[in-house]
Amino acid sequence: MTRTLEAANLSELNSVAKKILVDLKGQNIFAIFGKMGAGKTTIIKEFCKELGVDEVVSSPTFALVNEYHTMDEHPVYHFDFYRIKKIDEVFDIGYEEYFYSSNMCFIEWPELIMELLPESYVYLTIKEKGSGTRVIEYSVVSGT
């Protein structure tokens, strides 16, 4: 079942992130879809804040993955696959160790690596409407 939330502006993404994490407790892979500038990195920052990450969260555009830590030292992984040219680049960073670690993984531009996603993940889209409003739709995809 797909759920929909709205944020009147980027600052409201904090409450959206909180609701999604409560709603999807136990899910750890978030594939986040949206056009450039839709707010993918911003919502990931809010997810990280809600999880207790106290570090600066920024898009790993060139590194492909950033690792953050919650206050109780649990790793949180943030991927940005926008610049990959070949799927081999994802194999080279050892994606399986991240995706199958049971740690939180937030993935920007997942459409470039769909065949590598685990059987179960959160499919989240963020779309910008007029006047800065964001519409966030999410559901759990499960191959089981």
Protein backbone atom coordinates (compact mmCIF):
# COMPACT_ATOMS: atom_id res chain seq x y z
CA MET A 1 0.00 0.00 0.00
CA THR A 2 1.38 3.39 -1.00
CA ARG A 3 1.18 6.20 1.52
CA THR A 4 1.36 9.91 0.70
CA LEU A 5 2.56 12.83 2.81
CA GLU A 6 2.95 16.51 1.95
CA ALA A 7 5.47 19.09 3.11
CA ALA A 8 4.65 22.73 2.43
CA ASN A 9 8.39 23.48 2.30
CA LEU A 10 11.75 21.81 2.86
CA SER A 11 11.74 22.60 6.59
CA GLU A 12 8.65 20.39 7.01
CA LEU A 13 10.59 17.36 5.76
CA ASN A 14 11.68 16.78 9.37
CA SER A 15 8.18 15.82 10.47
CA VAL A 16 7.72 13.78 7.28
CA ALA A 17 10.94 11.85 7.97
CA LYS A 18 9.86 11.19 11.56
CA LYS A 19 6.45 9.84 10.43
CA ILE A 20 8.01 7.59 7.80
CA LEU A 21 10.56 6.11 10.21
CA VAL A 22 7.83 5.38 12.77
CA ASP A 23 5.55 3.94 10.09
CA LEU A 24 8.28 1.75 8.60
CA LYS A 25 10.09 0.67 11.75
CA GLY A 26 12.28 -2.31 10.90
CA GLN A 27 12.92 -1.27 7.29
CA ASN A 28 16.54 -0.37 6.59
CA ILE A 29 16.89 0.11 2.82
CA PHE A 30 15.37 3.33 1.43
CA ALA A 31 15.50 3.85 -2.36
CA ILE A 32 14.76 7.55 -2.81
CA PHE A 33 13.59 8.73 -6.23
CA GLY A 34 13.17 12.31 -7.41
CA LYS A 35 14.36 14.84 -9.91
CA MET A 36 17.44 16.95 -9.32
CA GLY A 37 16.59 19.48 -6.60
CA ALA A 38 13.45 17.69 -5.39
CA GLY A 39 14.84 17.31 -1.86
CA LYS A 40 16.37 13.81 -1.78
CA THR A 41 19.46 14.86 0.16
CA THR A 42 17.38 17.09 2.44
CA ILE A 43 15.05 14.28 3.46
CA ILE A 44 18.05 11.99 4.04
CA LYS A 45 19.51 14.66 6.34
CA GLU A 46 16.22 14.62 8.25
CA PHE A 47 16.16 10.81 8.42
CA CYS A 48 19.71 10.89 9.82
CA LYS A 49 18.81 13.56 12.36
CA GLU A 50 15.87 11.44 13.54
CA LEU A 51 18.15 8.40 13.84
CA GLY A 52 20.55 10.35 16.07
CA VAL A 53 23.30 11.20 13.61
CA ASP A 54 25.13 14.26 14.89
CA GLU A 55 27.55 14.55 11.95
CA VAL A 56 27.24 16.79 8.90
CA VAL A 57 25.21 14.92 6.30
CA SER A 58 26.03 15.72 2.68
CA SER A 59 25.53 14.00 -0.63
CA PRO A 60 28.34 11.56 -1.50
CA THR A 61 28.21 12.48 -5.17
CA PHE A 62 31.87 11.66 -5.90
CA ALA A 63 32.59 9.11 -3.14
CA LEU A 64 29.35 7.16 -3.90
CA VAL A 65 28.85 6.39 -0.19
CA ASN A 66 29.17 8.33 3.06
CA GLU A 67 29.12 6.63 6.43
CA TYR A 68 27.66 8.38 9.45
CA HIS A 69 27.15 7.13 13.00
CA THR A 70 24.25 7.45 15.39
CA MET A 71 24.89 8.50 19.00
CA ASP A 72 24.99 4.82 19.95
CA GLU A 73 27.57 4.18 17.19
CA HIS A 74 25.31 2.39 14.67
CA PRO A 75 26.47 3.09 11.11
CA VAL A 76 24.12 4.78 8.63
CA TYR A 77 25.02 4.66 4.93
CA HIS A 78 24.14 7.33 2.38
CA PHE A 79 24.60 6.50 -1.30
CA ASP A 80 24.44 8.74 -4.35
CA PHE A 81 24.64 6.86 -7.65
CA TYR A 82 24.03 9.86 -9.92
CA ARG A 83 27.52 9.80 -11.42
CA ILE A 84 28.03 6.07 -11.94
CA LYS A 85 28.81 5.15 -15.50
CA LYS A 86 28.89 1.36 -15.12
CA ILE A 87 27.32 -0.99 -12.60
CA ASP A 88 30.84 -2.33 -11.92
CA GLU A 89 31.52 0.84 -9.91
CA VAL A 90 28.86 -0.28 -7.43
CA PHE A 91 30.41 -3.75 -7.23
CA ASP A 92 33.80 -2.11 -6.62
CA ILE A 93 32.58 -0.35 -3.46
CA GLY A 94 31.28 -3.66 -2.10
CA TYR A 95 27.61 -2.65 -2.09
CA GLU A 96 26.51 -6.05 -0.71
CA GLU A 97 28.34 -5.45 2.57
CA TYR A 98 26.30 -2.27 3.02
CA PHE A 99 22.90 -3.39 1.69
CA TYR A 100 22.90 -6.68 3.62
CA SER A 101 24.41 -5.33 6.86
CA SER A 102 21.03 -4.61 8.52
CA ASN A 103 22.21 -1.01 8.96
CA MET A 104 20.23 1.92 7.58
CA CYS A 105 20.94 2.65 3.90
CA PHE A 106 19.58 5.69 2.08
CA ILE A 107 20.05 5.60 -1.68
CA GLU A 108 19.81 8.55 -4.06
CA TRP A 109 19.37 7.76 -7.79
CA PRO A 110 18.49 4.09 -7.15
CA GLU A 111 17.02 3.78 -10.65
CA LEU A 112 20.61 3.29 -11.86
CA ILE A 113 21.11 0.16 -9.71
CA MET A 114 17.61 -1.34 -9.39
CA GLU A 115 18.80 -4.87 -10.15
CA LEU A 116 21.11 -4.73 -7.10
CA LEU A 117 18.51 -3.74 -4.52
CA PRO A 118 17.57 -6.40 -1.96
CA GLU A 119 14.20 -8.16 -2.25
CA SER A 120 12.68 -5.87 0.37
CA TYR A 121 13.18 -2.09 0.44
CA VAL A 122 11.30 1.17 0.82
CA TYR A 123 10.38 2.80 -2.50
CA LEU A 124 10.11 6.53 -1.79
CA THR A 125 9.47 9.29 -4.31
CA ILE A 126 9.69 12.98 -3.64
CA LYS A 127 8.15 15.42 -6.09
CA GLU A 128 8.11 19.17 -6.04
CA LYS A 129 4.80 20.85 -6.70
CA GLY A 130 4.31 24.56 -7.21
CA SER A 131 5.29 26.99 -4.44
CA GLY A 132 7.86 24.62 -2.93
CA THR A 133 5.42 21.98 -1.70
CA ARG A 134 6.81 18.43 -1.75
CA VAL A 135 4.69 15.31 -2.16
CA ILE A 136 6.29 12.20 -0.69
CA GLU A 137 4.94 8.77 -1.62
CA TYR A 138 6.33 5.60 -0.12
CA SER A 139 5.68 1.90 0.07
CA VAL A 140 7.53 -1.26 0.94
CA VAL A 141 8.57 -3.40 -2.01
CA SER A 142 8.93 -7.02 -1.07
CA GLY A 143 9.90 -9.90 -3.31
CA THR A 144 8.74 -12.40 -0.71
